[in-house]
Amino acid sequence: MGSKTEATAARANSERRLRMVGDRVACRRIGVTDVRRCAECLYLLRLGRKYVVCVDGDIPEQPDFAW
């Protein structure tokens, strides 16, 4: 099993943190947009007060987890 540092580094490499300016965010996929559109995005991980955190890269067709 990997160390906590390795897990943190792996997570950081797979996430992209985008700063919000007002109610806008500069999405690398669709450009500058209203932050409310992020709620509809498959790549969204979480919304914060000042940042949007998204998946960096493509989402696999069949993820490694199951509900």
C-alpha atoms as a PDB file:
ATOM      1  CA  MET A   1       0.000   0.000   0.000  1.00  0.00           C
ATOM      2  CA  GLY A   2       1.327   3.465  -0.904  1.00  0.00           C
ATOM      3  CA  SER A   3       2.072   6.232   1.533  1.00  0.00           C
ATOM      4  CA  LYS A   4      -0.245   9.131   2.270  1.00  0.00           C
ATOM      5  CA  THR A   5       2.086  11.427   0.327  1.00  0.00           C
ATOM      6  CA  GLU A   6       1.818   9.228  -2.780  1.00  0.00           C
ATOM      7  CA  ALA A   7      -1.983   9.183  -2.511  1.00  0.00           C
ATOM      8  CA  THR A   8      -2.096  12.965  -2.124  1.00  0.00           C
ATOM      9  CA  ALA A   9       0.208  13.448  -5.113  1.00  0.00           C
ATOM     10  CA  ALA A  10      -1.893  11.079  -7.247  1.00  0.00           C
ATOM     11  CA  ARG A  11      -5.058  12.952  -6.318  1.00  0.00           C
ATOM     12  CA  ALA A  12      -3.461  16.330  -6.987  1.00  0.00           C
ATOM     13  CA  ASN A  13      -2.290  15.182 -10.423  1.00  0.00           C
ATOM     14  CA  SER A  14      -5.787  14.039 -11.380  1.00  0.00           C
ATOM     15  CA  GLU A  15      -7.558  17.209 -10.237  1.00  0.00           C
ATOM     16  CA  ARG A  16      -7.573  20.719 -11.628  1.00  0.00           C
ATOM     17  CA  ARG A  17      -8.441  23.644  -9.384  1.00  0.00           C
ATOM     18  CA  LEU A  18      -9.969  26.631 -11.184  1.00  0.00           C
ATOM     19  CA  ARG A  19     -10.386  29.985  -9.487  1.00  0.00           C
ATOM     20  CA  MET A  20     -13.796  31.668  -9.649  1.00  0.00           C
ATOM     21  CA  VAL A  21     -13.965  35.380 -10.374  1.00  0.00           C
ATOM     22  CA  GLY A  22     -17.358  36.627  -9.294  1.00  0.00           C
ATOM     23  CA  ASP A  23     -19.713  33.991 -10.662  1.00  0.00           C
ATOM     24  CA  ARG A  24     -17.483  33.090 -13.639  1.00  0.00           C
ATOM     25  CA  VAL A  25     -14.878  30.385 -14.130  1.00  0.00           C
ATOM     26  CA  ALA A  26     -12.388  29.869 -16.976  1.00  0.00           C
ATOM     27  CA  CYS A  27     -13.066  26.249 -17.928  1.00  0.00           C
ATOM     28  CA  ARG A  28     -10.406  24.700 -20.148  1.00  0.00           C
ATOM     29  CA  ARG A  29     -13.063  22.614 -21.921  1.00  0.00           C
ATOM     30  CA  ILE A  30     -15.761  25.204 -22.757  1.00  0.00           C
ATOM     31  CA  GLY A  31     -14.057  28.520 -21.989  1.00  0.00           C
ATOM     32  CA  VAL A  32     -15.198  31.286 -19.653  1.00  0.00           C
ATOM     33  CA  THR A  33     -18.629  30.394 -18.325  1.00  0.00           C
ATOM     34  CA  ASP A  34     -21.068  30.913 -15.493  1.00  0.00           C
ATOM     35  CA  VAL A  35     -20.209  28.759 -12.470  1.00  0.00           C
ATOM     36  CA  ARG A  36     -23.789  27.405 -12.414  1.00  0.00           C
ATOM     37  CA  ARG A  37     -22.984  25.447 -15.579  1.00  0.00           C
ATOM     38  CA  CYS A  38     -20.336  23.539 -13.605  1.00  0.00           C
ATOM     39  CA  ALA A  39     -23.099  21.761 -11.674  1.00  0.00           C
ATOM     40  CA  GLU A  40     -24.101  20.020 -14.935  1.00  0.00           C
ATOM     41  CA  CYS A  41     -20.561  18.953 -15.862  1.00  0.00           C
ATOM     42  CA  LEU A  42     -19.398  15.330 -15.624  1.00  0.00           C
ATOM     43  CA  TYR A  43     -15.882  16.481 -14.771  1.00  0.00           C
ATOM     44  CA  LEU A  44     -16.893  18.421 -11.627  1.00  0.00           C
ATOM     45  CA  LEU A  45     -15.533  17.056  -8.355  1.00  0.00           C
ATOM     46  CA  ARG A  46     -16.548  19.839  -5.981  1.00  0.00           C
ATOM     47  CA  LEU A  47     -17.479  23.506  -5.752  1.00  0.00           C
ATOM     48  CA  GLY A  48     -15.921  25.773  -3.159  1.00  0.00           C
ATOM     49  CA  ARG A  49     -16.354  29.434  -2.303  1.00  0.00           C
ATOM     50  CA  LYS A  50     -13.487  30.566  -4.513  1.00  0.00           C
ATOM     51  CA  TYR A  51     -12.563  27.477  -6.520  1.00  0.00           C
ATOM     52  CA  VAL A  52     -14.043  24.773  -8.718  1.00  0.00           C
ATOM     53  CA  VAL A  53     -12.225  21.430  -8.627  1.00  0.00           C
ATOM     54  CA  CYS A  54     -12.494  19.306 -11.757  1.00  0.00           C
ATOM     55  CA  VAL A  55     -11.102  16.044 -13.095  1.00  0.00           C
ATOM     56  CA  ASP A  56      -7.933  16.763 -15.044  1.00  0.00           C
ATOM     57  CA  GLY A  57      -8.039  14.633 -18.163  1.00  0.00           C
ATOM     58  CA  ASP A  58     -10.776  12.472 -19.578  1.00  0.00           C
ATOM     59  CA  ILE A  59     -13.263  10.416 -17.622  1.00  0.00           C
ATOM     60  CA  PRO A  60     -12.898   6.732 -18.531  1.00  0.00           C
ATOM     61  CA  GLU A  61     -15.909   5.148 -20.186  1.00  0.00           C
ATOM     62  CA  GLN A  62     -16.077   2.512 -17.462  1.00  0.00           C
ATOM     63  CA  PRO A  63     -14.786   3.853 -14.149  1.00  0.00           C
ATOM     64  CA  ASP A  64     -13.059   1.572 -11.647  1.00  0.00           C
ATOM     65  CA  PHE A  65     -15.832   1.860  -9.082  1.00  0.00           C
ATOM     66  CA  ALA A  66     -19.391   0.627  -8.735  1.00  0.00           C
ATOM     67  CA  TRP A  67     -22.369   1.932  -6.780  1.00  0.00           C
END
